Amino acid sequence: MKVRSVFISDVHLGTRGCNSSALLEFLREVQTDHLYLVGDIIDLWSLRKTFYWPQEHNNVLRTILGKAKYGTRVIFVPGNHDEDFREFVGTSFGNLEILRDCIHLTALGQRLLVLHGDEFDSIVKFHPWLTAFGSRAYDSSIEINRHFNRIRQFFVILIGLSLVI
């Protein structure tokens, strides 16, 4: 599939809740001139708590870097979970640029401001204790969702078996 631009955000590589297999499949099937990575691509908050980094997360990064190597312009706009990369804003590594924000020009000539939503989140900026609480609540909901999906998958298999019998 060939498209002009792709926008991806909130992947959270480094967490168990990341659906890296679906992202990897998508990245391998799409060809694009511009790939915008709009924040929370790598979840440094989670990695600081417990290090989790399976090979598939490496494969996602390698695929992105491979696209940059072969001509795709990759623009990385760090978010709050990967804010440490904001230290490198203005840096380019070949076709990979790290920017605080940027303007995307659509095929119809419209200008779109690309930035991560935490720029407008006063809670994140001015109440770090509330941010930490929200992060723990988010992590808990992701963990509950993982268990819920396992149970749901069990019932899907069970129903499938009962239809066969």
Protein backbone atom coordinates (compact mmCIF):
# COMPACT_ATOMS: atom_id res chain seq x y z
CA MET A 1 0.00 0.00 0.00
CA LYS A 2 1.45 3.39 -1.03
CA VAL A 3 0.35 6.55 0.78
CA ARG A 4 1.76 10.03 1.07
CA SER A 5 1.86 10.35 4.88
CA VAL A 6 1.30 8.20 7.95
CA PHE A 7 0.77 9.47 11.51
CA ILE A 8 1.41 7.11 14.44
CA SER A 9 1.19 7.96 18.13
CA ASP A 10 0.99 6.37 21.57
CA VAL A 11 2.61 3.06 20.64
CA HIS A 12 4.22 2.66 24.09
CA LEU A 13 7.07 0.34 23.09
CA GLY A 14 8.52 -1.06 26.30
CA THR A 15 5.15 -2.01 27.78
CA ARG A 16 3.38 -5.34 27.79
CA GLY A 17 0.22 -3.67 26.49
CA CYS A 18 1.91 -2.54 23.27
CA ASN A 19 0.48 -4.23 20.19
CA SER A 20 3.81 -4.26 18.38
CA SER A 21 2.88 -7.19 16.13
CA ALA A 22 0.00 -5.25 14.52
CA LEU A 23 2.19 -2.16 14.16
CA LEU A 24 5.01 -4.19 12.63
CA GLU A 25 2.64 -5.79 10.13
CA PHE A 26 1.29 -2.36 9.17
CA LEU A 27 4.75 -0.81 8.82
CA ARG A 28 5.92 -3.67 6.61
CA GLU A 29 2.92 -3.29 4.29
CA VAL A 30 2.82 0.49 3.90
CA GLN A 31 5.08 2.65 1.79
CA THR A 32 5.01 6.33 2.64
CA ASP A 33 6.87 9.53 1.87
CA HIS A 34 6.39 10.93 5.40
CA LEU A 35 6.14 8.96 8.64
CA TYR A 36 5.16 11.06 11.66
CA LEU A 37 5.81 9.49 15.07
CA VAL A 38 3.75 11.73 17.32
CA GLY A 39 4.71 11.01 20.91
CA ASP A 40 4.80 8.15 23.37
CA ILE A 41 6.44 5.84 20.84
CA ILE A 42 8.83 4.49 23.50
CA ASP A 43 7.41 4.45 27.02
CA LEU A 44 10.36 5.55 29.13
CA TRP A 45 8.13 5.93 32.20
CA SER A 46 7.34 2.22 32.09
CA LEU A 47 10.90 1.20 31.24
CA ARG A 48 12.16 3.05 34.33
CA LYS A 49 9.81 1.00 36.53
CA THR A 50 10.30 -2.44 34.99
CA PHE A 51 12.42 -3.15 31.97
CA TYR A 52 10.43 -4.96 29.31
CA TRP A 53 11.79 -4.98 25.76
CA PRO A 54 11.05 -8.03 23.59
CA GLN A 55 12.67 -8.60 20.20
CA GLU A 56 9.50 -7.48 18.43
CA HIS A 57 9.94 -3.97 19.85
CA ASN A 58 13.44 -3.94 18.34
CA ASN A 59 11.92 -5.08 15.05
CA VAL A 60 9.53 -2.11 15.07
CA LEU A 61 12.40 0.35 15.56
CA ARG A 62 14.53 -1.39 12.93
CA THR A 63 11.66 -1.24 10.44
CA ILE A 64 11.21 2.49 11.08
CA LEU A 65 14.94 3.12 10.71
CA GLY A 66 14.97 1.02 7.54
CA LYS A 67 12.23 3.19 6.08
CA ALA A 68 14.29 6.29 6.91
CA LYS A 69 17.37 4.73 5.32
CA TYR A 70 15.51 4.08 2.07
CA GLY A 71 13.94 7.50 1.62
CA THR A 72 10.98 7.91 3.97
CA ARG A 73 11.16 11.17 5.90
CA VAL A 74 10.60 10.17 9.55
CA ILE A 75 9.61 12.96 11.93
CA PHE A 76 9.63 12.10 15.63
CA VAL A 77 7.74 14.47 17.94
CA PRO A 78 8.35 13.24 21.51
CA GLY A 79 5.44 13.08 23.96
CA ASN A 80 5.33 12.98 27.74
CA HIS A 81 6.24 9.27 28.01
CA ASP A 82 9.33 9.75 25.83
CA GLU A 83 10.02 13.36 26.82
CA ASP A 84 13.73 12.63 27.41
CA PHE A 85 14.11 12.73 23.62
CA ARG A 86 13.05 16.41 23.66
CA GLU A 87 16.64 17.07 24.65
CA PHE A 88 17.52 16.20 21.04
CA VAL A 89 14.92 18.44 19.35
CA GLY A 90 16.41 19.93 16.21
CA THR A 91 18.66 16.92 15.61
CA SER A 92 18.58 14.98 12.37
CA PHE A 93 19.93 11.51 11.73
CA GLY A 94 19.71 11.23 7.97
CA ASN A 95 15.99 11.12 7.15
CA LEU A 96 14.99 10.95 10.84
CA GLU A 97 14.31 14.29 12.50
CA ILE A 98 13.40 15.02 16.11
CA LEU A 99 11.13 18.05 16.36
CA ARG A 100 8.99 19.62 19.11
CA ASP A 101 6.27 20.28 16.54
CA CYS A 102 6.01 20.75 12.80
CA ILE A 103 3.67 21.75 10.00
CA HIS A 104 2.47 19.06 7.60
CA LEU A 105 1.32 20.22 4.18
CA THR A 106 -1.48 18.02 2.84
CA ALA A 107 -1.87 17.08 -0.82
CA LEU A 108 -4.65 19.70 -0.98
CA GLY A 109 -2.33 22.39 0.37
CA GLN A 110 -3.78 22.51 3.89
CA ARG A 111 -1.38 23.12 6.75
CA LEU A 112 -1.66 20.86 9.79
CA LEU A 113 0.11 21.49 13.09
CA VAL A 114 1.63 18.23 14.34
CA LEU A 115 2.40 18.00 18.06
CA HIS A 116 1.70 15.71 20.99
CA GLY A 117 -1.33 16.45 23.15
CA ASP A 118 0.63 16.69 26.40
CA GLU A 119 1.64 20.17 25.26
CA PHE A 120 -1.84 21.27 26.34
CA ASP A 121 -2.06 19.19 29.51
CA SER A 122 -1.57 21.51 32.48
CA ILE A 123 -1.84 18.55 34.86
CA VAL A 124 1.25 16.93 33.33
CA LYS A 125 3.15 20.21 33.36
CA PHE A 126 2.27 21.52 36.82
CA HIS A 127 1.15 18.58 39.00
CA PRO A 128 3.71 15.76 38.76
CA TRP A 129 2.14 13.81 41.66
CA LEU A 130 -1.16 13.65 39.79
CA THR A 131 0.70 12.58 36.66
CA ALA A 132 2.32 9.73 38.61
CA PHE A 133 -1.09 8.66 39.94
CA GLY A 134 -2.60 8.78 36.45
CA SER A 135 0.30 6.76 35.08
CA ARG A 136 -0.26 4.03 37.68
CA ALA A 137 -4.00 4.00 36.95
CA TYR A 138 -3.26 3.74 33.22
CA ASP A 139 -0.81 0.87 33.78
CA SER A 140 -3.39 -0.95 35.91
CA SER A 141 -6.11 -0.55 33.30
CA ILE A 142 -3.77 -1.92 30.61
CA GLU A 143 -2.97 -4.93 32.81
CA ILE A 144 -6.68 -5.56 33.47
CA ASN A 145 -7.34 -5.26 29.74
CA ARG A 146 -4.68 -7.90 28.98
CA HIS A 147 -6.41 -10.36 31.33
CA PHE A 148 -9.82 -9.46 29.95
CA ASN A 149 -8.59 -10.15 26.41
CA ARG A 150 -7.23 -13.56 27.46
CA ILE A 151 -10.60 -14.48 28.95
CA ARG A 152 -12.40 -13.16 25.87
CA GLN A 153 -10.11 -15.18 23.60
CA PHE A 154 -10.83 -18.31 25.68
CA PHE A 155 -14.57 -17.84 25.09
CA VAL A 156 -14.04 -17.21 21.38
CA ILE A 157 -12.16 -20.51 21.13
CA LEU A 158 -14.78 -22.27 23.27
CA ILE A 159 -17.63 -20.98 21.09
CA GLY A 160 -15.69 -21.95 17.96
CA LEU A 161 -15.25 -25.48 19.28
CA SER A 162 -18.92 -25.80 20.19
CA LEU A 163 -19.89 -24.78 16.64
CA VAL A 164 -17.63 -27.48 15.22
CA ILE A 165 -19.07 -30.20 17.49
